[in-house]
N, C-alpha and C. Protein backbone atom coordinates (compact mmCIF):
# COMPACT_ATOMS: atom_id res chain seq x y z
N MET A 1 0.84 -1.18 0.00
CA MET A 1 0.00 0.00 0.00
C MET A 1 0.88 1.23 0.00
N PRO A 2 0.43 2.34 -0.62
CA PRO A 2 1.27 3.54 -0.67
C PRO A 2 1.35 4.21 0.70
N MET A 3 2.36 5.02 0.86
CA MET A 3 2.49 5.83 2.06
C MET A 3 1.31 6.80 2.12
N ILE A 4 0.75 6.96 3.30
CA ILE A 4 -0.36 7.91 3.51
C ILE A 4 0.22 9.17 4.11
N VAL A 5 -0.16 10.31 3.57
CA VAL A 5 0.29 11.60 4.09
C VAL A 5 -0.92 12.40 4.52
N TYR A 6 -0.95 12.77 5.79
CA TYR A 6 -1.93 13.73 6.27
C TYR A 6 -1.27 15.09 6.16
N GLY A 7 -1.81 15.93 5.29
CA GLY A 7 -1.17 17.22 5.07
C GLY A 7 -2.15 18.29 4.63
N ASP A 8 -1.79 19.51 4.89
CA ASP A 8 -2.54 20.68 4.46
C ASP A 8 -1.74 21.31 3.32
N SER A 9 -2.33 21.38 2.14
CA SER A 9 -1.62 21.88 0.95
C SER A 9 -1.21 23.33 1.05
N ARG A 10 -1.69 24.03 2.06
CA ARG A 10 -1.29 25.43 2.27
C ARG A 10 -0.07 25.52 3.17
N SER A 11 0.44 24.37 3.61
CA SER A 11 1.58 24.32 4.52
C SER A 11 2.86 23.97 3.77
N GLY A 12 3.85 24.83 3.90
CA GLY A 12 5.14 24.52 3.29
C GLY A 12 5.73 23.24 3.85
N ASN A 13 5.55 22.99 5.14
CA ASN A 13 6.07 21.77 5.75
C ASN A 13 5.46 20.53 5.10
N CYS A 14 4.20 20.60 4.76
CA CYS A 14 3.54 19.46 4.12
C CYS A 14 3.99 19.30 2.66
N LEU A 15 4.15 20.44 1.98
CA LEU A 15 4.57 20.36 0.58
C LEU A 15 5.97 19.79 0.43
N LYS A 16 6.83 20.00 1.42
CA LYS A 16 8.17 19.38 1.37
C LYS A 16 8.06 17.88 1.16
N VAL A 17 7.13 17.27 1.86
CA VAL A 17 6.95 15.82 1.78
C VAL A 17 6.44 15.43 0.39
N LYS A 18 5.45 16.17 -0.09
CA LYS A 18 4.90 15.90 -1.42
C LYS A 18 5.98 16.02 -2.50
N TRP A 19 6.76 17.09 -2.45
CA TRP A 19 7.78 17.32 -3.48
C TRP A 19 8.89 16.29 -3.41
N THR A 20 9.30 15.91 -2.22
CA THR A 20 10.37 14.91 -2.07
C THR A 20 9.89 13.57 -2.60
N ALA A 21 8.69 13.18 -2.23
CA ALA A 21 8.14 11.90 -2.70
C ALA A 21 8.02 11.90 -4.22
N ARG A 22 7.53 12.99 -4.77
CA ARG A 22 7.37 13.07 -6.23
C ARG A 22 8.72 12.99 -6.92
N ARG A 23 9.72 13.71 -6.40
CA ARG A 23 11.06 13.70 -7.00
C ARG A 23 11.65 12.29 -7.00
N LEU A 24 11.36 11.53 -5.94
CA LEU A 24 11.93 10.19 -5.80
C LEU A 24 11.04 9.09 -6.36
N GLY A 25 9.87 9.45 -6.86
CA GLY A 25 8.96 8.46 -7.41
C GLY A 25 8.31 7.58 -6.35
N VAL A 26 8.16 8.12 -5.14
CA VAL A 26 7.54 7.36 -4.05
C VAL A 26 6.03 7.58 -4.12
N PRO A 27 5.25 6.51 -4.30
CA PRO A 27 3.80 6.71 -4.36
C PRO A 27 3.25 7.09 -2.99
N LEU A 28 2.28 7.99 -3.02
CA LEU A 28 1.67 8.37 -1.76
C LEU A 28 0.19 8.61 -1.94
N GLU A 29 -0.52 8.46 -0.84
CA GLU A 29 -1.95 8.78 -0.80
C GLU A 29 -2.08 10.01 0.07
N TRP A 30 -2.43 11.13 -0.55
CA TRP A 30 -2.52 12.40 0.15
C TRP A 30 -3.91 12.53 0.78
N ARG A 31 -3.95 12.77 2.06
CA ARG A 31 -5.21 13.02 2.76
C ARG A 31 -5.19 14.47 3.24
N GLU A 32 -5.97 15.27 2.57
CA GLU A 32 -5.99 16.71 2.85
C GLU A 32 -6.60 16.97 4.22
N VAL A 33 -5.89 17.76 5.01
CA VAL A 33 -6.31 18.11 6.36
C VAL A 33 -6.34 19.63 6.45
N ASP A 34 -7.46 20.18 6.84
CA ASP A 34 -7.55 21.62 7.06
C ASP A 34 -7.23 21.87 8.53
N ILE A 35 -6.05 22.42 8.79
CA ILE A 35 -5.63 22.60 10.18
C ILE A 35 -6.52 23.59 10.93
N MET A 36 -7.26 24.40 10.19
CA MET A 36 -8.10 25.41 10.84
C MET A 36 -9.39 24.82 11.42
N THR A 37 -9.70 23.56 11.09
CA THR A 37 -10.95 22.95 11.57
C THR A 37 -10.80 22.21 12.88
N GLY A 38 -9.56 22.03 13.35
CA GLY A 38 -9.35 21.30 14.59
C GLY A 38 -9.18 19.80 14.41
N PHE A 39 -9.12 19.33 13.17
CA PHE A 39 -8.99 17.89 12.93
C PHE A 39 -7.75 17.31 13.59
N THR A 40 -6.66 18.08 13.59
CA THR A 40 -5.41 17.56 14.16
C THR A 40 -5.45 17.47 15.69
N ARG A 41 -6.52 17.93 16.31
CA ARG A 41 -6.67 17.83 17.76
C ARG A 41 -7.66 16.74 18.16
N THR A 42 -8.17 16.01 17.17
CA THR A 42 -9.13 14.94 17.48
C THR A 42 -8.41 13.73 18.05
N PRO A 43 -9.09 12.92 18.87
CA PRO A 43 -8.45 11.74 19.46
C PRO A 43 -7.84 10.80 18.41
N GLY A 44 -8.54 10.61 17.30
CA GLY A 44 -8.02 9.72 16.26
C GLY A 44 -6.72 10.19 15.68
N TYR A 45 -6.62 11.49 15.42
CA TYR A 45 -5.38 12.02 14.85
C TYR A 45 -4.27 12.04 15.90
N LEU A 46 -4.61 12.44 17.12
CA LEU A 46 -3.60 12.47 18.18
C LEU A 46 -3.06 11.09 18.50
N ALA A 47 -3.82 10.05 18.16
CA ALA A 47 -3.33 8.68 18.37
C ALA A 47 -2.16 8.36 17.43
N ILE A 48 -2.13 9.00 16.24
CA ILE A 48 -1.01 8.74 15.32
C ILE A 48 0.07 9.81 15.43
N ASN A 49 -0.31 11.02 15.88
CA ASN A 49 0.67 12.08 16.09
C ASN A 49 0.27 12.87 17.34
N PRO A 50 0.82 12.50 18.48
CA PRO A 50 0.46 13.15 19.73
C PRO A 50 0.75 14.66 19.76
N ALA A 51 1.59 15.15 18.87
CA ALA A 51 1.86 16.58 18.79
C ALA A 51 0.73 17.33 18.09
N GLY A 52 -0.13 16.59 17.38
CA GLY A 52 -1.26 17.22 16.71
C GLY A 52 -0.87 18.18 15.60
N GLN A 53 0.16 17.80 14.83
CA GLN A 53 0.65 18.66 13.76
C GLN A 53 0.60 17.93 12.42
N VAL A 54 0.71 18.70 11.35
CA VAL A 54 0.91 18.14 10.02
C VAL A 54 2.27 18.61 9.54
N PRO A 55 2.91 17.82 8.69
CA PRO A 55 2.46 16.54 8.15
C PRO A 55 2.72 15.39 9.10
N THR A 56 1.95 14.35 8.88
CA THR A 56 2.19 13.05 9.48
C THR A 56 2.06 12.04 8.36
N VAL A 57 2.96 11.08 8.33
CA VAL A 57 2.85 10.01 7.33
C VAL A 57 2.66 8.68 8.04
N ILE A 58 1.95 7.82 7.35
CA ILE A 58 1.87 6.42 7.75
C ILE A 58 2.66 5.66 6.69
N LEU A 59 3.79 5.11 7.11
CA LEU A 59 4.65 4.41 6.16
C LEU A 59 4.00 3.13 5.66
N GLU A 60 4.57 2.57 4.62
CA GLU A 60 4.01 1.38 3.99
C GLU A 60 3.81 0.24 4.97
N ASP A 61 4.63 0.18 6.02
CA ASP A 61 4.51 -0.90 7.00
C ASP A 61 3.59 -0.53 8.17
N GLY A 62 2.94 0.65 8.08
CA GLY A 62 1.97 1.04 9.09
C GLY A 62 2.51 1.91 10.21
N ARG A 63 3.83 2.14 10.24
CA ARG A 63 4.40 2.98 11.30
C ARG A 63 4.20 4.45 10.97
N PRO A 64 3.82 5.27 11.99
CA PRO A 64 3.68 6.72 11.75
C PRO A 64 5.02 7.44 11.90
N LEU A 65 5.14 8.54 11.21
CA LEU A 65 6.32 9.39 11.32
C LEU A 65 5.87 10.83 11.14
N ALA A 66 6.36 11.72 12.01
CA ALA A 66 5.99 13.13 11.95
C ALA A 66 7.25 13.98 11.82
N GLN A 67 7.04 15.28 11.70
CA GLN A 67 8.06 16.31 11.50
C GLN A 67 8.58 16.24 10.07
N SER A 68 8.33 17.31 9.33
CA SER A 68 8.61 17.33 7.90
C SER A 68 10.04 16.97 7.54
N ASN A 69 11.01 17.52 8.25
CA ASN A 69 12.40 17.23 7.88
C ASN A 69 12.79 15.79 8.21
N ALA A 70 12.23 15.22 9.27
CA ALA A 70 12.47 13.81 9.56
C ALA A 70 11.86 12.93 8.46
N ILE A 71 10.67 13.30 8.01
CA ILE A 71 9.99 12.53 6.97
C ILE A 71 10.79 12.56 5.67
N ILE A 72 11.24 13.75 5.26
CA ILE A 72 11.96 13.79 3.98
C ILE A 72 13.33 13.12 4.07
N LEU A 73 13.94 13.17 5.24
CA LEU A 73 15.20 12.43 5.43
C LEU A 73 14.96 10.93 5.28
N HIS A 74 13.88 10.45 5.86
CA HIS A 74 13.55 9.03 5.74
C HIS A 74 13.29 8.65 4.28
N LEU A 75 12.51 9.47 3.59
CA LEU A 75 12.18 9.17 2.19
C LEU A 75 13.41 9.16 1.30
N ALA A 76 14.34 10.08 1.56
CA ALA A 76 15.48 10.27 0.66
C ALA A 76 16.70 9.43 1.01
N GLU A 77 16.60 8.60 2.03
CA GLU A 77 17.74 7.76 2.43
C GLU A 77 18.31 7.02 1.22
N GLY A 78 19.61 7.20 0.98
CA GLY A 78 20.27 6.50 -0.12
C GLY A 78 20.08 7.15 -1.49
N SER A 79 19.41 8.30 -1.55
CA SER A 79 19.16 8.95 -2.84
C SER A 79 20.15 10.09 -3.06
N ALA A 80 20.12 10.65 -4.26
CA ALA A 80 21.00 11.77 -4.59
C ALA A 80 20.60 13.06 -3.87
N LEU A 81 19.46 13.08 -3.20
CA LEU A 81 19.05 14.28 -2.45
C LEU A 81 19.82 14.44 -1.14
N ILE A 82 20.57 13.39 -0.76
CA ILE A 82 21.43 13.45 0.42
C ILE A 82 22.86 13.29 -0.07
N PRO A 83 23.69 14.31 0.07
CA PRO A 83 25.06 14.22 -0.45
C PRO A 83 25.84 13.05 0.14
N GLU A 84 26.68 12.43 -0.68
CA GLU A 84 27.54 11.34 -0.22
C GLU A 84 28.68 11.86 0.63
N ASP A 85 29.22 13.01 0.26
CA ASP A 85 30.34 13.60 1.00
C ASP A 85 29.88 13.97 2.41
N ALA A 86 30.65 13.59 3.41
CA ALA A 86 30.26 13.80 4.81
C ALA A 86 30.08 15.28 5.14
N TYR A 87 30.97 16.12 4.64
CA TYR A 87 30.86 17.55 4.94
C TYR A 87 29.63 18.15 4.26
N ALA A 88 29.42 17.81 3.00
CA ALA A 88 28.24 18.33 2.28
C ALA A 88 26.95 17.85 2.95
N ARG A 89 26.96 16.61 3.41
CA ARG A 89 25.77 16.08 4.12
C ARG A 89 25.54 16.84 5.42
N ALA A 90 26.62 17.13 6.14
CA ALA A 90 26.50 17.91 7.38
C ALA A 90 26.01 19.32 7.09
N ARG A 91 26.46 19.93 6.00
CA ARG A 91 25.98 21.26 5.61
C ARG A 91 24.49 21.21 5.30
N MET A 92 24.05 20.15 4.61
CA MET A 92 22.63 19.99 4.33
C MET A 92 21.84 19.97 5.63
N LEU A 93 22.31 19.17 6.59
CA LEU A 93 21.62 19.07 7.88
C LEU A 93 21.67 20.39 8.65
N GLU A 94 22.79 21.08 8.54
CA GLU A 94 22.91 22.39 9.19
C GLU A 94 21.80 23.33 8.72
N TRP A 95 21.60 23.38 7.40
CA TRP A 95 20.55 24.23 6.85
C TRP A 95 19.17 23.74 7.28
N MET A 96 18.96 22.44 7.32
CA MET A 96 17.65 21.91 7.69
C MET A 96 17.33 22.20 9.16
N PHE A 97 18.32 22.07 10.04
CA PHE A 97 18.08 22.40 11.44
C PHE A 97 17.81 23.90 11.58
N TRP A 98 18.57 24.70 10.86
CA TRP A 98 18.40 26.15 10.90
C TRP A 98 17.02 26.54 10.40
N GLU A 99 16.56 25.85 9.37
CA GLU A 99 15.24 26.15 8.80
C GLU A 99 14.15 26.04 9.86
N GLN A 100 14.18 25.00 10.64
CA GLN A 100 13.14 24.79 11.64
C GLN A 100 13.30 25.68 12.86
N TYR A 101 14.51 26.13 13.13
CA TYR A 101 14.76 26.93 14.33
C TYR A 101 14.72 28.44 14.07
N SER A 102 15.21 28.88 12.91
CA SER A 102 15.37 30.31 12.66
C SER A 102 14.57 30.85 11.49
N HIS A 103 14.25 30.03 10.50
CA HIS A 103 13.57 30.50 9.30
C HIS A 103 12.06 30.30 9.41
N GLU A 104 11.64 29.08 9.55
CA GLU A 104 10.21 28.76 9.58
C GLU A 104 9.47 29.48 10.70
N PRO A 105 10.02 29.59 11.93
CA PRO A 105 9.30 30.28 13.00
C PRO A 105 9.08 31.77 12.73
N ALA A 106 9.80 32.35 11.80
CA ALA A 106 9.59 33.76 11.46
C ALA A 106 8.80 33.89 10.16
N ILE A 107 9.30 33.31 9.09
CA ILE A 107 8.68 33.47 7.77
C ILE A 107 7.29 32.83 7.73
N ALA A 108 7.18 31.59 8.18
CA ALA A 108 5.89 30.90 8.13
C ALA A 108 4.90 31.50 9.12
N VAL A 109 5.36 31.92 10.29
CA VAL A 109 4.45 32.49 11.28
C VAL A 109 3.91 33.84 10.79
N ALA A 110 4.77 34.67 10.21
CA ALA A 110 4.29 35.95 9.66
C ALA A 110 3.26 35.70 8.57
N ARG A 111 3.52 34.72 7.72
CA ARG A 111 2.58 34.37 6.65
C ARG A 111 1.25 33.90 7.25
N PHE A 112 1.30 33.05 8.26
CA PHE A 112 0.09 32.53 8.88
C PHE A 112 -0.73 33.67 9.49
N ARG A 113 -0.05 34.56 10.19
CA ARG A 113 -0.77 35.65 10.85
C ARG A 113 -1.46 36.57 9.83
N MET A 114 -0.78 36.83 8.73
CA MET A 114 -1.37 37.72 7.73
C MET A 114 -2.39 37.01 6.85
N LEU A 115 -2.01 35.86 6.32
CA LEU A 115 -2.86 35.18 5.33
C LEU A 115 -4.06 34.49 5.94
N PHE A 116 -3.87 33.85 7.08
CA PHE A 116 -4.95 33.05 7.66
C PHE A 116 -5.66 33.72 8.82
N GLN A 117 -4.95 34.61 9.51
CA GLN A 117 -5.59 35.32 10.62
C GLN A 117 -5.98 36.75 10.26
N GLY A 118 -5.61 37.20 9.06
CA GLY A 118 -6.02 38.51 8.57
C GLY A 118 -5.36 39.70 9.25
N LEU A 119 -4.23 39.48 9.88
CA LEU A 119 -3.55 40.56 10.58
C LEU A 119 -2.82 41.44 9.57
N PRO A 120 -2.99 42.75 9.62
CA PRO A 120 -2.23 43.62 8.72
C PRO A 120 -0.74 43.58 9.05
N ARG A 121 0.08 43.82 8.06
CA ARG A 121 1.53 43.77 8.24
C ARG A 121 1.99 44.66 9.39
N GLY A 122 1.40 45.83 9.51
CA GLY A 122 1.79 46.77 10.54
C GLY A 122 1.49 46.29 11.96
N GLU A 123 0.66 45.27 12.09
CA GLU A 123 0.33 44.75 13.41
C GLU A 123 1.12 43.50 13.79
N LEU A 124 2.01 43.06 12.90
CA LEU A 124 2.88 41.94 13.25
C LEU A 124 3.86 42.37 14.34
N ASP A 125 4.24 41.45 15.18
CA ASP A 125 5.23 41.71 16.21
C ASP A 125 6.52 42.17 15.52
N PRO A 126 7.05 43.35 15.86
CA PRO A 126 8.27 43.83 15.21
C PRO A 126 9.45 42.86 15.34
N LYS A 127 9.52 42.12 16.44
CA LYS A 127 10.61 41.14 16.60
C LYS A 127 10.46 40.00 15.59
N LEU A 128 9.22 39.61 15.28
CA LEU A 128 8.96 38.58 14.28
C LEU A 128 9.44 39.06 12.91
N VAL A 129 9.11 40.29 12.57
CA VAL A 129 9.52 40.87 11.30
C VAL A 129 11.05 40.96 11.23
N GLU A 130 11.66 41.36 12.32
CA GLU A 130 13.12 41.46 12.38
C GLU A 130 13.77 40.09 12.19
N ARG A 131 13.22 39.07 12.84
CA ARG A 131 13.77 37.71 12.70
C ARG A 131 13.60 37.20 11.28
N GLY A 132 12.46 37.52 10.67
CA GLY A 132 12.24 37.10 9.28
C GLY A 132 13.23 37.74 8.33
N ALA A 133 13.46 39.03 8.50
CA ALA A 133 14.43 39.73 7.64
C ALA A 133 15.83 39.18 7.86
N ALA A 134 16.18 38.86 9.10
CA ALA A 134 17.50 38.29 9.39
C ALA A 134 17.64 36.91 8.75
N ALA A 135 16.57 36.13 8.78
CA ALA A 135 16.61 34.80 8.17
C ALA A 135 16.82 34.91 6.66
N LEU A 136 16.11 35.83 6.02
CA LEU A 136 16.26 36.00 4.58
C LEU A 136 17.66 36.51 4.23
N ALA A 137 18.20 37.38 5.06
CA ALA A 137 19.56 37.88 4.82
C ALA A 137 20.58 36.74 4.95
N ARG A 138 20.38 35.85 5.92
CA ARG A 138 21.29 34.71 6.10
C ARG A 138 21.20 33.77 4.91
N LEU A 139 19.99 33.53 4.45
CA LEU A 139 19.79 32.66 3.29
C LEU A 139 20.46 33.26 2.06
N GLU A 140 20.27 34.56 1.86
CA GLU A 140 20.87 35.25 0.71
C GLU A 140 22.40 35.10 0.74
N LEU A 141 22.98 35.28 1.90
CA LEU A 141 24.43 35.16 2.03
C LEU A 141 24.90 33.75 1.66
N GLY A 142 24.18 32.74 2.14
CA GLY A 142 24.54 31.36 1.83
C GLY A 142 24.43 31.04 0.36
N LEU A 143 23.46 31.65 -0.31
CA LEU A 143 23.23 31.35 -1.72
C LEU A 143 24.15 32.13 -2.65
N GLN A 144 24.90 33.07 -2.12
CA GLN A 144 25.89 33.77 -2.93
C GLN A 144 27.13 32.92 -3.15
N ALA A 145 27.28 31.87 -2.36
CA ALA A 145 28.47 31.03 -2.43
C ALA A 145 28.31 29.83 -3.37
N SER A 146 27.08 29.36 -3.58
CA SER A 146 26.86 28.19 -4.43
C SER A 146 25.42 28.19 -4.93
N PRO A 147 25.16 27.48 -6.03
CA PRO A 147 23.81 27.50 -6.60
C PRO A 147 22.76 26.83 -5.73
N PHE A 148 23.19 25.88 -4.91
CA PHE A 148 22.28 25.21 -3.99
C PHE A 148 22.88 25.28 -2.60
N LEU A 149 22.11 25.02 -1.59
CA LEU A 149 22.56 25.27 -0.22
C LEU A 149 23.69 24.37 0.24
N ALA A 150 23.73 23.14 -0.23
CA ALA A 150 24.79 22.22 0.19
C ALA A 150 25.83 22.01 -0.90
N GLY A 151 25.87 22.91 -1.88
CA GLY A 151 26.86 22.78 -2.94
C GLY A 151 26.28 23.00 -4.32
N ASP A 152 26.71 22.18 -5.25
CA ASP A 152 26.33 22.37 -6.65
C ASP A 152 25.11 21.58 -7.08
N ARG A 153 24.56 20.78 -6.16
CA ARG A 153 23.40 19.94 -6.53
C ARG A 153 22.26 20.15 -5.55
N LEU A 154 21.06 19.92 -6.04
CA LEU A 154 19.85 19.97 -5.23
C LEU A 154 19.96 18.96 -4.09
N SER A 155 19.59 19.39 -2.89
CA SER A 155 19.55 18.47 -1.75
C SER A 155 18.29 18.75 -0.94
N LEU A 156 18.12 17.96 0.11
CA LEU A 156 16.97 18.17 0.99
C LEU A 156 16.97 19.55 1.63
N ALA A 157 18.13 20.15 1.80
CA ALA A 157 18.19 21.50 2.36
C ALA A 157 17.41 22.48 1.49
N ASP A 158 17.55 22.34 0.18
CA ASP A 158 16.84 23.23 -0.74
C ASP A 158 15.33 23.00 -0.68
N ILE A 159 14.93 21.74 -0.63
CA ILE A 159 13.50 21.44 -0.55
C ILE A 159 12.93 21.98 0.75
N SER A 160 13.68 21.80 1.82
CA SER A 160 13.23 22.25 3.13
C SER A 160 13.04 23.77 3.17
N LEU A 161 13.99 24.50 2.61
CA LEU A 161 13.94 25.95 2.73
C LEU A 161 13.13 26.65 1.65
N VAL A 162 12.98 26.05 0.50
CA VAL A 162 12.23 26.74 -0.56
C VAL A 162 10.74 26.80 -0.23
N ALA A 163 10.26 25.86 0.56
CA ALA A 163 8.83 25.75 0.81
C ALA A 163 8.22 27.07 1.29
N TYR A 164 8.76 27.62 2.35
CA TYR A 164 8.20 28.88 2.86
C TYR A 164 8.86 30.11 2.25
N THR A 165 10.10 29.99 1.78
CA THR A 165 10.77 31.15 1.20
C THR A 165 10.00 31.65 -0.01
N ARG A 166 9.50 30.75 -0.84
CA ARG A 166 8.80 31.18 -2.05
C ARG A 166 7.47 31.87 -1.73
N TRP A 167 7.00 31.71 -0.50
CA TRP A 167 5.76 32.38 -0.06
C TRP A 167 6.04 33.53 0.89
N ALA A 168 7.30 33.95 1.01
CA ALA A 168 7.66 34.98 1.99
C ALA A 168 6.83 36.26 1.79
N HIS A 169 6.50 36.58 0.55
CA HIS A 169 5.72 37.79 0.28
C HIS A 169 4.35 37.76 0.96
N GLU A 170 3.82 36.54 1.19
CA GLU A 170 2.52 36.42 1.86
C GLU A 170 2.61 36.75 3.34
N GLY A 171 3.83 36.86 3.85
CA GLY A 171 4.06 37.29 5.22
C GLY A 171 4.62 38.71 5.26
N GLY A 172 4.57 39.39 4.12
CA GLY A 172 5.00 40.78 4.06
C GLY A 172 6.48 40.97 3.79
N PHE A 173 7.19 39.92 3.40
CA PHE A 173 8.62 40.03 3.12
C PHE A 173 8.84 40.13 1.62
N ASP A 174 9.36 41.26 1.18
CA ASP A 174 9.62 41.48 -0.24
C ASP A 174 10.99 40.91 -0.59
N LEU A 175 11.03 40.02 -1.56
CA LEU A 175 12.29 39.36 -1.93
C LEU A 175 13.11 40.16 -2.95
N VAL A 176 12.68 41.37 -3.26
CA VAL A 176 13.40 42.16 -4.26
C VAL A 176 14.84 42.43 -3.84
N SER A 177 15.10 42.50 -2.56
CA SER A 177 16.46 42.77 -2.07
C SER A 177 17.32 41.51 -1.97
N TYR A 178 16.78 40.38 -2.40
CA TYR A 178 17.49 39.10 -2.26
C TYR A 178 17.59 38.40 -3.61
N PRO A 179 18.42 38.93 -4.52
CA PRO A 179 18.48 38.38 -5.89
C PRO A 179 18.96 36.94 -5.94
N ALA A 180 19.95 36.57 -5.14
CA ALA A 180 20.44 35.19 -5.16
C ALA A 180 19.35 34.24 -4.69
N THR A 181 18.57 34.68 -3.73
CA THR A 181 17.46 33.86 -3.22
C THR A 181 16.38 33.69 -4.28
N ARG A 182 16.07 34.76 -4.99
CA ARG A 182 15.04 34.68 -6.04
C ARG A 182 15.49 33.72 -7.15
N GLU A 183 16.76 33.81 -7.55
CA GLU A 183 17.27 32.91 -8.59
C GLU A 183 17.25 31.46 -8.11
N TRP A 184 17.62 31.26 -6.86
CA TRP A 184 17.61 29.91 -6.27
C TRP A 184 16.19 29.34 -6.23
N ILE A 185 15.22 30.15 -5.87
CA ILE A 185 13.83 29.67 -5.86
C ILE A 185 13.47 29.14 -7.23
N GLY A 186 13.80 29.90 -8.26
CA GLY A 186 13.51 29.45 -9.63
C GLY A 186 14.21 28.15 -9.97
N ARG A 187 15.48 28.02 -9.59
CA ARG A 187 16.22 26.77 -9.85
C ARG A 187 15.56 25.59 -9.17
N VAL A 188 15.19 25.77 -7.91
CA VAL A 188 14.59 24.67 -7.16
C VAL A 188 13.21 24.33 -7.71
N GLU A 189 12.42 25.34 -8.03
CA GLU A 189 11.10 25.09 -8.61
C GLU A 189 11.21 24.30 -9.92
N ARG A 190 12.17 24.67 -10.74
CA ARG A 190 12.37 23.93 -12.00
C ARG A 190 12.83 22.51 -11.74
N ALA A 191 13.77 22.36 -10.83
CA ALA A 191 14.30 21.02 -10.52
C ALA A 191 13.23 20.09 -9.98
N LEU A 192 12.30 20.66 -9.22
CA LEU A 192 11.24 19.83 -8.61
C LEU A 192 9.93 19.88 -9.37
N ASP A 193 9.90 20.65 -10.45
CA ASP A 193 8.67 20.82 -11.23
C ASP A 193 7.52 21.28 -10.31
N ILE A 194 7.81 22.32 -9.53
CA ILE A 194 6.83 22.83 -8.59
C ILE A 194 5.85 23.75 -9.28
N THR A 195 4.59 23.43 -9.15
CA THR A 195 3.52 24.30 -9.63
C THR A 195 2.53 24.59 -8.52
N ASP A 196 2.64 23.87 -7.38
CA ASP A 196 1.70 24.07 -6.29
C ASP A 196 2.30 24.93 -5.19
């Protein structure tokens, strides 16, 4: 049976899983979950993911797995999306850990507050805006050194970070000042055939 993915298509974290699976030819059954309805807080869902978050996958053998970066690491094991070189692999992981700690909590949260909660940009917490701008500046700096985050080839770091970066404008972040980032988004979108 194919892997089952509980995901919200409006979530960059969920799309990471979809794009990685598609790139690797892993069949999946997507089960759309609207996080705004409270479905992820129901007893049935909490039984498979006690954190009550998306994405959650049910692997082919029936075991559940949560957290987007853990899921894509599992899917990509042994593939070209994980560099063979130990240093390049560590750089990939460095970016993926940074994404969840410094990028997603600013860029995705600003987007959520504006797009889904209807908060005007001027009412966002100034510290959130500052952290988002710092995250984009860090990403821009990293992308000035190489075409992809872990070197010359697409890796999971790129999939992990492109998800919310390409939607940064929905959180009030204008990417006009980040040319290397804009070019990288295009490269990753083409490499993954992203249209969603």
